[in-house]
Amino acid sequence: KVARVRKKKGKKGKKKKGEKKEKKKKGKKKGGKGGKDGGGGDEEEGFKMVPSMFIPGIEEASSNYEDIWKHRDEADNFQQKYDAELIKELKRGEVESEIRVQVDDLMRQELKNLKAAIERDKGKKGKKGKKSGKKKGKKGKKKGKKSGKGKKGKKGKKAKDLTAGKTIESLYEELVKEGILVQYPKVKISDYMGEYSYLGTTLRQANIEPMPSLSDVRRVITEYGILPMGSQTVHETAPHVKSIMIAGPHGTGKRMLVNAICSELGANLIDLTAENICGRYPGKAGLTMLLHLVMKVGKLLQPTVIYIGNAEKTFIKKVPKNDMSDPKRLKKELPKIIKKMAPEDRILFVGTSLTPWDADVKGLCQCYQKIVLIPRPDYASRYLLFKELILRNGGRLAPTLDLSSLAKISDGYTPGHIITAVKHVLTERRVQQLHRKPLTALEFVTPLARIDPIYKEEEEQFKAFYDKTTMGKKRQMLLKGDEE
């Protein structure tokens, strides 16, 4: 019996030792994995969304709905009359805060009275305290006067108003007469046509970074230019975008997007293009007055869009000899003005550029927070453009019109080129003949052949410029992190 018990114990001991060894092996494996993970933790993390400032408000509204309205029976309240109890609850808080201020004032007065009574009881000590208090008070007054002078001087510099005696109507009229505040055609953002890029994911899987589609450009302009400017609360709470630069080849709709932003917001459009302000408000004092007028009118009559065409000329490396518009006039002042803008100022600077690589990249990036590149339209966008433009110009889509082939052969042509070709074909006479002679794709080939397309070399120049910008460098870092 004793021998059997010893054998069993020996077997159990072996089992325990085996289990310990297995546990140790597992521990090593886990430790190895943990080490890798630990090493991964030291590396820089990928892109993370900034926490939204709107979440607390949404959570508060949600909890308010859950507490008050979710289980509330409104079957008998067809006329939607007010609820007296709800109003009383809201007003109780206001009344309490008002009464609390009055009670606090009374308590402070009582405290002063008690302190005065204690000082009277002390006698001489109290008198000495008063004398010293008077001396300190005199010194404090002298210091206050000195510091007050300094503060007045500072306030005088900040609050200096060059047009203090003029009304806002007269300032507005002056800018209109000088051609600085201009009228713009009414354009909806939905009129900027473009299709979603369906090949984007496929190209990324093949390690090719696709260019954004016209649909992406429309979305970005809406998110950065229109939605925050449309509401004062959203503009103050959301990330503050002060300036945008739209860069792209000729005919991609840069000015149309500026007009769309103004139309959707009902904003004032101030044109500070170098050619437009040339000869107006000359000299350093004139420039100061011009910028003062622009910012004063812009802040008082919000929202305001300040447009700068050919934005690259402001920071151009070398000014051409034949350019007499003084393009570098706003170079020093523009970044300072944009930097001083506060979230409550619903003013947006929008620049457009045909050749952004001609400018100093550092200066452009300091002035413009967001740089949006408009590419050549892809196949899907060209197909949509031909289809919509033909219908809008009085045309009809017949079986003889091969839109797919037309979209394929028009690679490299911008929306502006396509509009020109469609208008050239669909004249009044041709529209009247449509019931007898339907449209064909060949009719659009001749007008397109007369226009020079945007070649890949020019598109590569835009890509190379964007890679040098702050946003482009951040994007490359993120892409490298995803690949690793």
Protein backbone atom coordinates (compact mmCIF):
# COMPACT_ATOMS: atom_id res chain seq x y z
CA LYS A 1 0.00 0.00 0.00
CA VAL A 2 2.79 2.43 0.93
CA ALA A 3 4.55 1.68 -2.40
CA ARG A 4 1.35 2.35 -4.38
CA VAL A 5 0.83 5.70 -2.61
CA ARG A 6 4.46 6.71 -3.38
CA LYS A 7 4.03 5.77 -7.08
CA LYS A 8 0.87 7.89 -7.32
CA LYS A 9 2.62 10.83 -5.68
CA GLY A 10 5.52 10.44 -8.10
CA LYS A 11 3.14 10.50 -11.08
CA LYS A 12 1.39 13.60 -9.73
CA GLY A 13 4.76 15.32 -9.22
CA LYS A 14 5.76 14.51 -12.82
CA LYS A 15 2.45 15.89 -14.08
CA LYS A 16 2.90 19.09 -12.10
CA LYS A 17 6.46 19.53 -13.41
CA GLY A 18 5.21 18.96 -16.98
CA GLU A 19 2.41 21.47 -16.49
CA LYS A 20 4.91 24.03 -15.13
CA LYS A 21 7.18 23.56 -18.16
CA GLU A 22 4.23 24.04 -20.53
CA LYS A 23 3.15 27.15 -18.64
CA LYS A 24 6.70 28.52 -18.86
CA LYS A 25 6.75 27.92 -22.63
CA LYS A 26 3.38 29.64 -23.02
CA GLY A 27 4.64 32.51 -20.88
CA LYS A 28 7.68 32.89 -23.08
CA LYS A 29 5.51 32.94 -26.21
CA LYS A 30 3.18 35.50 -24.69
CA GLY A 31 6.16 37.52 -23.49
CA GLY A 32 7.56 37.49 -27.01
CA LYS A 33 4.28 38.67 -28.44
CA GLY A 34 4.00 41.25 -25.70
CA GLY A 35 7.50 42.42 -26.50
CA LYS A 36 6.51 42.94 -30.12
CA ASP A 37 3.37 44.73 -29.06
CA GLY A 38 5.36 46.77 -26.61
CA GLY A 39 7.75 47.71 -29.38
CA GLY A 40 4.74 48.62 -31.55
CA GLY A 41 3.40 50.81 -28.72
CA ASP A 42 6.57 52.94 -28.86
CA GLU A 43 6.04 53.64 -32.55
CA GLU A 44 3.97 56.56 -33.72
CA GLU A 45 0.28 55.78 -34.04
CA GLY A 46 -1.63 56.36 -37.26
CA PHE A 47 -4.20 59.06 -38.01
CA LYS A 48 -6.57 59.82 -35.15
CA MET A 49 -9.67 61.99 -35.31
CA VAL A 50 -9.63 65.05 -33.05
CA PRO A 51 -12.35 64.78 -30.35
CA SER A 52 -15.41 66.77 -31.42
CA MET A 53 -16.56 69.78 -29.41
CA PHE A 54 -20.19 69.02 -30.31
CA ILE A 55 -20.37 65.66 -28.46
CA PRO A 56 -21.16 67.13 -24.97
CA GLY A 57 -24.04 69.14 -26.44
CA ILE A 58 -25.42 66.10 -28.30
CA GLU A 59 -25.15 63.95 -25.14
CA GLU A 60 -26.93 66.63 -23.09
CA ALA A 61 -29.75 66.89 -25.66
CA SER A 62 -30.04 63.08 -25.77
CA SER A 63 -30.28 62.75 -21.97
CA ASN A 64 -32.80 65.63 -21.92
CA TYR A 65 -34.94 63.76 -24.47
CA GLU A 66 -34.64 60.49 -22.49
CA ASP A 67 -35.68 62.18 -19.21
CA ILE A 68 -38.51 64.41 -20.46
CA TRP A 69 -39.88 63.51 -23.89
CA LYS A 70 -39.29 59.80 -24.59
CA HIS A 71 -42.05 58.40 -22.34
CA ARG A 72 -44.29 61.46 -22.48
CA ASP A 73 -47.83 60.87 -23.74
CA GLU A 74 -48.87 63.68 -26.11
CA ALA A 75 -52.07 62.01 -27.39
CA ASP A 76 -54.33 64.59 -25.70
CA ASN A 77 -52.17 67.57 -26.63
CA PHE A 78 -53.13 67.93 -30.30
CA GLN A 79 -52.77 71.74 -30.29
CA GLN A 80 -49.28 71.42 -28.74
CA LYS A 81 -49.94 73.86 -25.87
CA TYR A 82 -47.12 74.83 -23.52
CA ASP A 83 -46.46 72.85 -20.33
CA ALA A 84 -46.55 75.16 -17.29
CA GLU A 85 -44.49 72.78 -15.13
CA LEU A 86 -41.63 72.62 -17.64
CA ILE A 87 -41.51 76.43 -17.85
CA LYS A 88 -41.53 76.69 -14.02
CA GLU A 89 -38.60 74.25 -13.79
CA LEU A 90 -36.60 76.28 -16.32
CA LYS A 91 -37.37 79.60 -14.63
CA ARG A 92 -36.61 78.28 -11.12
CA GLY A 93 -32.93 78.03 -12.04
CA GLU A 94 -32.87 81.61 -13.36
CA VAL A 95 -34.67 82.96 -10.26
CA GLU A 96 -32.32 81.02 -7.96
CA SER A 97 -29.22 82.47 -9.66
CA GLU A 98 -30.64 86.03 -9.43
CA ILE A 99 -31.57 85.63 -5.73
CA ARG A 100 -28.18 84.04 -4.98
CA VAL A 101 -26.42 87.20 -6.28
CA GLN A 102 -28.57 89.41 -4.03
CA VAL A 103 -28.01 87.14 -1.00
CA ASP A 104 -24.25 87.14 -1.65
CA ASP A 105 -24.23 90.96 -1.70
CA LEU A 106 -26.13 91.06 1.62
CA MET A 107 -23.72 88.54 3.17
CA ARG A 108 -20.72 90.58 2.05
CA GLN A 109 -22.24 93.75 3.55
CA GLU A 110 -22.86 91.93 6.84
CA LEU A 111 -19.26 90.67 6.84
CA LYS A 112 -17.96 94.24 6.34
CA ASN A 113 -20.14 95.44 9.23
CA LEU A 114 -18.79 92.68 11.49
CA LYS A 115 -15.17 93.54 10.57
CA ALA A 116 -15.83 97.25 11.29
CA ALA A 117 -17.31 96.37 14.70
CA ILE A 118 -14.24 94.23 15.59
CA GLU A 119 -11.88 97.07 14.58
CA ARG A 120 -13.80 99.53 16.80
CA ASP A 121 -13.39 97.17 19.77
CA LYS A 122 -9.63 96.99 19.24
CA GLY A 123 -9.30 100.78 19.56
CA LYS A 124 -5.78 102.03 18.87
CA LYS A 125 -4.82 99.05 16.76
CA GLY A 126 -7.75 99.79 14.56
CA LYS A 127 -6.67 103.45 14.11
CA LYS A 128 -3.14 102.45 13.15
CA GLY A 129 -4.57 100.04 10.68
CA LYS A 130 -6.64 102.82 9.10
CA LYS A 131 -3.64 105.14 8.79
CA SER A 132 -1.52 102.49 7.16
CA GLY A 133 -4.46 101.67 4.94
CA LYS A 134 -4.67 105.33 3.82
CA LYS A 135 -0.95 105.41 2.99
CA LYS A 136 -1.21 102.21 1.03
CA GLY A 137 -4.27 103.59 -0.70
CA LYS A 138 -2.34 106.71 -1.82
CA LYS A 139 0.56 104.62 -3.09
CA GLY A 140 -1.87 102.36 -4.86
CA LYS A 141 -3.53 105.37 -6.50
CA LYS A 142 -0.15 106.65 -7.75
CA LYS A 143 0.73 103.24 -9.13
CA GLY A 144 -2.70 102.93 -10.61
CA LYS A 145 -2.27 106.26 -12.42
CA LYS A 146 1.09 105.20 -13.86
CA SER A 147 -0.15 101.80 -14.93
CA GLY A 148 -3.35 103.40 -16.18
CA LYS A 149 -1.40 105.61 -18.55
CA GLY A 150 0.39 102.60 -19.98
CA LYS A 151 -2.86 100.72 -20.40
CA LYS A 152 -4.51 103.71 -22.09
CA GLY A 153 -1.60 103.92 -24.51
CA LYS A 154 -1.94 100.24 -25.39
CA LYS A 155 -5.71 100.46 -25.74
CA GLY A 156 -5.31 103.52 -27.96
CA LYS A 157 -3.13 101.56 -30.39
CA LYS A 158 -5.52 98.58 -30.54
CA ALA A 159 -8.74 100.59 -30.76
CA LYS A 160 -7.48 103.00 -33.45
CA ASP A 161 -10.31 103.35 -35.97
CA LEU A 162 -9.37 105.06 -39.24
CA THR A 163 -13.04 105.50 -40.21
CA ALA A 164 -14.58 106.36 -36.83
CA GLY A 165 -16.89 109.10 -38.13
CA LYS A 166 -18.31 107.13 -41.07
CA THR A 167 -21.36 104.84 -41.17
CA ILE A 168 -21.18 101.25 -42.35
CA GLU A 169 -23.42 102.15 -45.32
CA SER A 170 -20.94 104.77 -46.55
CA LEU A 171 -18.00 102.34 -46.18
CA TYR A 172 -19.94 99.66 -48.09
CA GLU A 173 -20.76 102.16 -50.84
CA GLU A 174 -17.09 103.23 -51.08
CA LEU A 175 -15.91 99.61 -51.57
CA VAL A 176 -18.59 99.02 -54.24
CA LYS A 177 -17.63 102.21 -56.15
CA GLU A 178 -13.94 101.27 -56.05
CA GLY A 179 -14.77 97.78 -57.44
CA ILE A 180 -13.42 95.98 -54.35
CA LEU A 181 -16.79 94.61 -53.21
CA VAL A 182 -18.16 92.86 -56.29
CA GLN A 183 -21.32 91.10 -57.43
CA TYR A 184 -21.22 87.39 -58.28
CA PRO A 185 -23.48 85.02 -60.29
CA LYS A 186 -25.76 82.78 -58.21
CA VAL A 187 -24.41 79.23 -58.38
CA LYS A 188 -25.33 76.20 -56.27
CA ILE A 189 -22.63 73.83 -55.04
CA SER A 190 -24.65 70.98 -56.60
CA ASP A 191 -24.09 72.63 -60.02
CA TYR A 192 -20.42 71.67 -59.72
CA MET A 193 -20.87 68.24 -61.29
CA GLY A 194 -18.57 65.31 -60.63
CA GLU A 195 -18.86 61.59 -59.98
CA TYR A 196 -17.47 59.50 -57.14
CA SER A 197 -14.11 57.77 -57.80
CA TYR A 198 -15.00 54.09 -58.05
CA LEU A 199 -11.42 52.95 -58.84
CA GLY A 200 -9.83 54.60 -55.79
CA THR A 201 -9.74 51.45 -53.64
CA THR A 202 -8.47 49.28 -56.53
CA LEU A 203 -5.61 51.69 -57.22
CA ARG A 204 -4.64 51.83 -53.53
CA GLN A 205 -4.49 48.03 -53.43
CA ALA A 206 -2.00 48.22 -56.32
CA ASN A 207 0.11 50.75 -54.29
CA ILE A 208 -0.95 53.67 -56.53
CA GLU A 209 -2.26 56.76 -54.78
CA PRO A 210 -5.28 58.00 -56.83
CA MET A 211 -6.02 61.64 -57.54
CA PRO A 212 -9.22 62.99 -55.92
CA SER A 213 -12.35 63.06 -58.03
CA LEU A 214 -14.53 66.14 -58.69
CA SER A 215 -17.02 64.71 -56.18
CA ASP A 216 -14.29 64.74 -53.50
CA VAL A 217 -13.47 68.38 -54.31
CA ARG A 218 -17.14 69.36 -53.96
CA ARG A 219 -17.36 67.56 -50.59
CA VAL A 220 -14.18 69.19 -49.21
CA ILE A 221 -15.29 72.70 -50.24
CA THR A 222 -18.68 72.07 -48.59
CA GLU A 223 -17.08 70.83 -45.35
CA TYR A 224 -14.40 73.52 -45.05
CA GLY A 225 -15.99 76.54 -46.77
CA ILE A 226 -19.79 76.35 -46.53
CA LEU A 227 -20.95 74.38 -43.46
CA PRO A 228 -18.82 76.15 -40.78
CA MET A 229 -19.52 79.62 -42.23
CA GLY A 230 -23.29 79.03 -42.34
CA SER A 231 -23.73 79.09 -38.55
CA GLN A 232 -22.10 81.31 -35.92
CA THR A 233 -22.26 78.54 -33.28
CA VAL A 234 -20.71 75.94 -35.60
CA HIS A 235 -18.01 78.40 -36.72
CA GLU A 236 -17.00 79.11 -33.11
CA THR A 237 -17.08 75.45 -32.02
CA ALA A 238 -15.76 73.53 -35.07
CA PRO A 239 -12.06 73.57 -36.10
CA HIS A 240 -11.41 77.12 -37.36
CA VAL A 241 -10.58 77.21 -41.09
CA LYS A 242 -9.51 80.76 -41.96
CA SER A 243 -8.24 80.30 -45.52
CA ILE A 244 -8.43 77.90 -48.47
CA MET A 245 -6.45 77.82 -51.71
CA ILE A 246 -7.98 76.06 -54.73
CA ALA A 247 -5.36 75.03 -57.28
CA GLY A 248 -5.94 73.37 -60.64
CA PRO A 249 -5.56 73.65 -64.43
CA HIS A 250 -7.52 76.12 -66.55
CA GLY A 251 -11.23 75.25 -66.87
CA THR A 252 -11.57 73.10 -63.73
CA GLY A 253 -14.11 75.46 -62.09
CA LYS A 254 -12.05 77.28 -59.45
CA ARG A 255 -13.93 80.60 -59.72
CA MET A 256 -17.22 78.69 -59.93
CA LEU A 257 -16.49 77.13 -56.51
CA VAL A 258 -15.81 80.61 -55.05
CA ASN A 259 -19.16 81.84 -56.43
CA ALA A 260 -20.87 78.69 -55.08
CA ILE A 261 -19.50 79.35 -51.56
CA CYS A 262 -20.81 82.94 -51.69
CA SER A 263 -24.20 81.91 -53.13
CA GLU A 264 -24.82 79.17 -50.56
CA LEU A 265 -23.91 81.51 -47.67
CA GLY A 266 -25.43 84.70 -49.07
CA ALA A 267 -22.04 86.28 -48.33
CA ASN A 268 -20.35 89.47 -49.48
CA LEU A 269 -17.53 88.92 -52.01
CA ILE A 270 -14.48 91.16 -51.68
CA ASP A 271 -11.96 90.89 -54.54
CA LEU A 272 -8.35 91.54 -53.49
CA THR A 273 -6.76 90.17 -56.66
CA ALA A 274 -3.53 92.07 -57.54
CA GLU A 275 -4.97 93.26 -60.88
CA ASN A 276 -8.17 94.48 -59.18
CA ILE A 277 -6.50 96.58 -56.44
CA CYS A 278 -3.75 97.92 -58.75
CA GLY A 279 -3.89 101.75 -58.77
CA ARG A 280 -6.46 101.84 -55.93
CA TYR A 281 -5.48 103.18 -52.49
CA PRO A 282 -1.82 103.81 -53.47
CA GLY A 283 1.11 103.89 -51.03
CA LYS A 284 1.57 102.36 -47.60
CA ALA A 285 -1.12 104.54 -45.98
CA GLY A 286 -3.54 103.64 -48.80
CA LEU A 287 -2.93 99.91 -48.31
CA THR A 288 -3.54 100.26 -44.55
CA MET A 289 -6.82 102.08 -45.26
CA LEU A 290 -7.89 99.46 -47.82
CA LEU A 291 -7.28 96.53 -45.44
CA HIS A 292 -8.98 98.42 -42.59
CA LEU A 293 -12.07 99.01 -44.76
CA VAL A 294 -12.15 95.38 -45.93
CA MET A 295 -11.87 93.91 -42.42
CA LYS A 296 -14.29 96.40 -40.83
CA VAL A 297 -17.01 95.84 -43.44
CA GLY A 298 -16.29 92.09 -43.45
CA LYS A 299 -16.72 91.78 -39.66
CA LEU A 300 -19.81 93.99 -39.43
CA LEU A 301 -21.57 92.39 -42.42
CA GLN A 302 -20.79 88.70 -41.91
CA PRO A 303 -20.42 86.22 -43.57
CA THR A 304 -17.75 87.57 -45.94
CA VAL A 305 -15.58 85.82 -48.54
CA ILE A 306 -12.32 87.56 -49.49
CA TYR A 307 -11.19 86.33 -52.91
CA ILE A 308 -7.60 86.47 -54.18
CA GLY A 309 -7.18 85.35 -57.81
CA ASN A 310 -3.78 84.11 -58.99
CA ALA A 311 -2.80 83.58 -55.35
CA GLU A 312 0.68 82.38 -56.33
CA LYS A 313 1.58 85.91 -57.51
CA THR A 314 1.48 87.24 -53.93
CA PHE A 315 4.40 84.95 -53.02
CA ILE A 316 5.99 84.68 -56.49
CA LYS A 317 9.76 84.04 -56.48
CA LYS A 318 10.53 86.48 -59.31
CA VAL A 319 8.12 89.10 -60.61
CA PRO A 320 8.04 89.31 -64.46
CA LYS A 321 9.18 92.64 -65.90
CA ASN A 322 5.96 93.12 -67.88
CA ASP A 323 3.75 92.65 -64.75
CA MET A 324 2.79 96.16 -63.59
CA SER A 325 0.11 95.05 -61.06
CA ASP A 326 2.52 94.97 -58.06
CA PRO A 327 1.59 91.35 -57.13
CA LYS A 328 3.63 91.32 -53.89
CA ARG A 329 1.68 94.23 -52.38
CA LEU A 330 -0.15 92.01 -49.85
CA LYS A 331 2.76 89.66 -49.10
CA LYS A 332 3.56 91.03 -45.61
CA GLU A 333 0.09 92.13 -44.52
CA LEU A 334 -1.99 89.12 -45.60
CA PRO A 335 -0.52 86.49 -43.19
CA LYS A 336 -0.79 88.99 -40.29
CA ILE A 337 -4.50 89.66 -40.97
CA ILE A 338 -5.31 85.94 -41.26
CA LYS A 339 -3.42 85.18 -38.03
CA LYS A 340 -5.40 87.83 -36.08
CA MET A 341 -8.79 86.47 -37.14
CA ALA A 342 -10.83 85.03 -34.24
CA PRO A 343 -13.38 82.15 -34.35
CA GLU A 344 -16.26 84.63 -34.02
CA ASP A 345 -15.22 86.31 -37.30
CA ARG A 346 -17.10 84.59 -40.10
CA ILE A 347 -14.61 85.66 -42.76
CA LEU A 348 -13.03 83.23 -45.22
CA PHE A 349 -10.02 83.94 -47.45
CA VAL A 350 -10.20 81.94 -50.71
CA GLY A 351 -7.34 81.97 -53.21
CA THR A 352 -7.20 80.35 -56.65
CA SER A 353 -4.06 79.37 -58.53
CA LEU A 354 -3.14 78.09 -62.02
CA THR A 355 0.61 77.68 -61.40
CA PRO A 356 1.19 77.32 -57.62
CA TRP A 357 4.75 76.01 -58.16
CA ASP A 358 5.83 79.55 -59.21
CA ALA A 359 5.37 80.74 -55.62
CA ASP A 360 7.39 80.25 -52.44
CA VAL A 361 5.77 77.15 -50.87
CA LYS A 362 6.56 78.24 -47.31
CA GLY A 363 4.78 81.59 -47.77
CA LEU A 364 1.73 79.94 -49.35
CA CYS A 365 1.45 77.38 -46.53
CA GLN A 366 1.68 80.14 -43.89
CA CYS A 367 -1.14 82.06 -45.57
CA TYR A 368 -3.48 79.22 -46.62
CA GLN A 369 -4.48 76.54 -44.10
CA LYS A 370 -6.08 74.18 -46.63
CA ILE A 371 -4.86 73.59 -50.18
CA VAL A 372 -7.35 71.80 -52.47
CA LEU A 373 -6.13 70.36 -55.78
CA ILE A 374 -8.63 69.98 -58.62
CA PRO A 375 -7.56 67.18 -60.96
CA ARG A 376 -8.57 66.37 -64.54
CA PRO A 377 -11.99 64.70 -64.47
CA ASP A 378 -11.93 60.90 -64.56
CA TYR A 379 -14.04 58.68 -66.84
CA ALA A 380 -17.09 58.62 -64.53
CA SER A 381 -17.10 62.42 -64.14
CA ARG A 382 -16.69 63.01 -67.90
CA TYR A 383 -19.60 60.64 -68.63
CA LEU A 384 -21.80 62.52 -66.14
CA LEU A 385 -20.71 65.94 -67.50
CA PHE A 386 -21.55 65.07 -71.12
CA LYS A 387 -24.90 63.58 -70.12
CA GLU A 388 -26.03 66.51 -67.93
CA LEU A 389 -24.69 69.29 -70.15
CA ILE A 390 -26.34 67.89 -73.29
CA LEU A 391 -29.70 67.74 -71.50
CA ARG A 392 -29.30 71.25 -70.01
CA ASN A 393 -28.50 72.78 -73.40
CA GLY A 394 -31.65 71.39 -75.03
CA GLY A 395 -30.19 68.14 -76.39
CA ARG A 396 -31.64 64.62 -76.32
CA LEU A 397 -29.98 61.34 -75.46
CA ALA A 398 -30.55 59.10 -78.48
CA PRO A 399 -29.30 55.52 -79.07
CA THR A 400 -26.98 56.92 -81.77
CA LEU A 401 -25.11 58.96 -79.12
CA ASP A 402 -22.37 56.76 -77.62
CA LEU A 403 -21.60 58.60 -74.37
CA SER A 404 -19.23 55.88 -73.15
CA SER A 405 -16.89 56.26 -76.13
CA LEU A 406 -17.18 60.05 -75.96
CA ALA A 407 -16.15 60.00 -72.29
CA LYS A 408 -13.22 57.72 -73.07
CA ILE A 409 -11.73 59.78 -75.92
CA SER A 410 -12.11 63.05 -73.96
CA ASP A 411 -9.52 62.04 -71.35
CA GLY A 412 -7.46 65.11 -70.37
CA TYR A 413 -10.21 67.66 -71.07
CA THR A 414 -11.51 69.75 -68.17
CA PRO A 415 -15.19 70.57 -67.42
CA GLY A 416 -14.66 73.98 -69.06
CA HIS A 417 -13.47 72.34 -72.28
CA ILE A 418 -16.47 69.99 -72.29
CA ILE A 419 -18.89 72.92 -71.77
CA THR A 420 -17.29 74.76 -74.72
CA ALA A 421 -17.63 71.69 -76.98
CA VAL A 422 -21.28 71.05 -76.01
CA LYS A 423 -22.27 74.70 -76.58
CA HIS A 424 -20.45 74.71 -79.94
CA VAL A 425 -22.47 71.67 -81.13
CA LEU A 426 -25.89 72.45 -79.61
CA THR A 427 -26.73 75.69 -81.38
CA GLU A 428 -30.35 76.84 -81.73
CA ARG A 429 -30.51 75.49 -85.27
CA ARG A 430 -29.06 72.09 -84.24
CA VAL A 431 -31.55 71.76 -81.36
CA GLN A 432 -34.45 72.32 -83.81
CA GLN A 433 -33.12 69.54 -86.07
CA LEU A 434 -32.86 66.92 -83.28
CA HIS A 435 -36.21 65.25 -84.05
CA ARG A 436 -35.01 64.56 -87.64
CA LYS A 437 -31.27 64.16 -87.05
CA PRO A 438 -30.29 62.72 -83.61
CA LEU A 439 -26.96 63.57 -81.99
CA THR A 440 -23.86 61.42 -82.55
CA ALA A 441 -20.54 61.26 -80.68
CA LEU A 442 -18.59 62.31 -83.82
CA GLU A 443 -20.14 65.79 -83.72
CA PHE A 444 -18.32 66.54 -80.41
CA VAL A 445 -14.91 65.29 -81.62
CA THR A 446 -14.17 68.26 -83.93
CA PRO A 447 -14.66 71.05 -81.30
CA LEU A 448 -12.69 69.01 -78.74
CA ALA A 449 -9.80 68.55 -81.21
CA ARG A 450 -9.41 72.33 -81.48
CA ILE A 451 -8.77 72.62 -77.71
CA ASP A 452 -5.46 71.70 -76.08
CA PRO A 453 -6.07 69.11 -73.32
CA ILE A 454 -4.33 68.94 -69.93
CA TYR A 455 -1.39 66.59 -70.32
CA LYS A 456 -0.04 64.28 -67.63
CA GLU A 457 3.13 66.38 -67.26
CA GLU A 458 1.07 69.32 -65.97
CA GLU A 459 -0.83 67.05 -63.59
CA GLU A 460 2.50 65.69 -62.28
CA GLN A 461 3.60 69.29 -61.61
CA PHE A 462 0.54 69.79 -59.39
CA LYS A 463 1.28 66.53 -57.56
CA ALA A 464 4.93 67.51 -57.01
CA PHE A 465 3.87 70.92 -55.67
CA TYR A 466 1.33 69.35 -53.28
CA ASP A 467 3.97 66.93 -51.93
CA LYS A 468 6.09 69.95 -50.89
CA THR A 469 3.26 71.56 -48.88
CA THR A 470 2.65 70.94 -45.16
CA MET A 471 -0.54 68.97 -45.89
CA GLY A 472 1.24 66.89 -48.55
CA LYS A 473 4.10 65.99 -46.18
CA LYS A 474 1.62 64.91 -43.47
CA ARG A 475 -0.22 62.77 -46.00
CA GLN A 476 2.99 61.04 -47.08
CA MET A 477 3.84 60.29 -43.44
CA LEU A 478 0.41 58.74 -42.89
CA LEU A 479 0.70 56.62 -46.06
CA LYS A 480 4.14 55.37 -45.00
CA GLY A 481 2.76 54.47 -41.58
CA ASP A 482 -0.09 52.47 -43.18
CA GLU A 483 2.35 50.56 -45.41
CA GLU A 484 4.56 49.65 -42.43
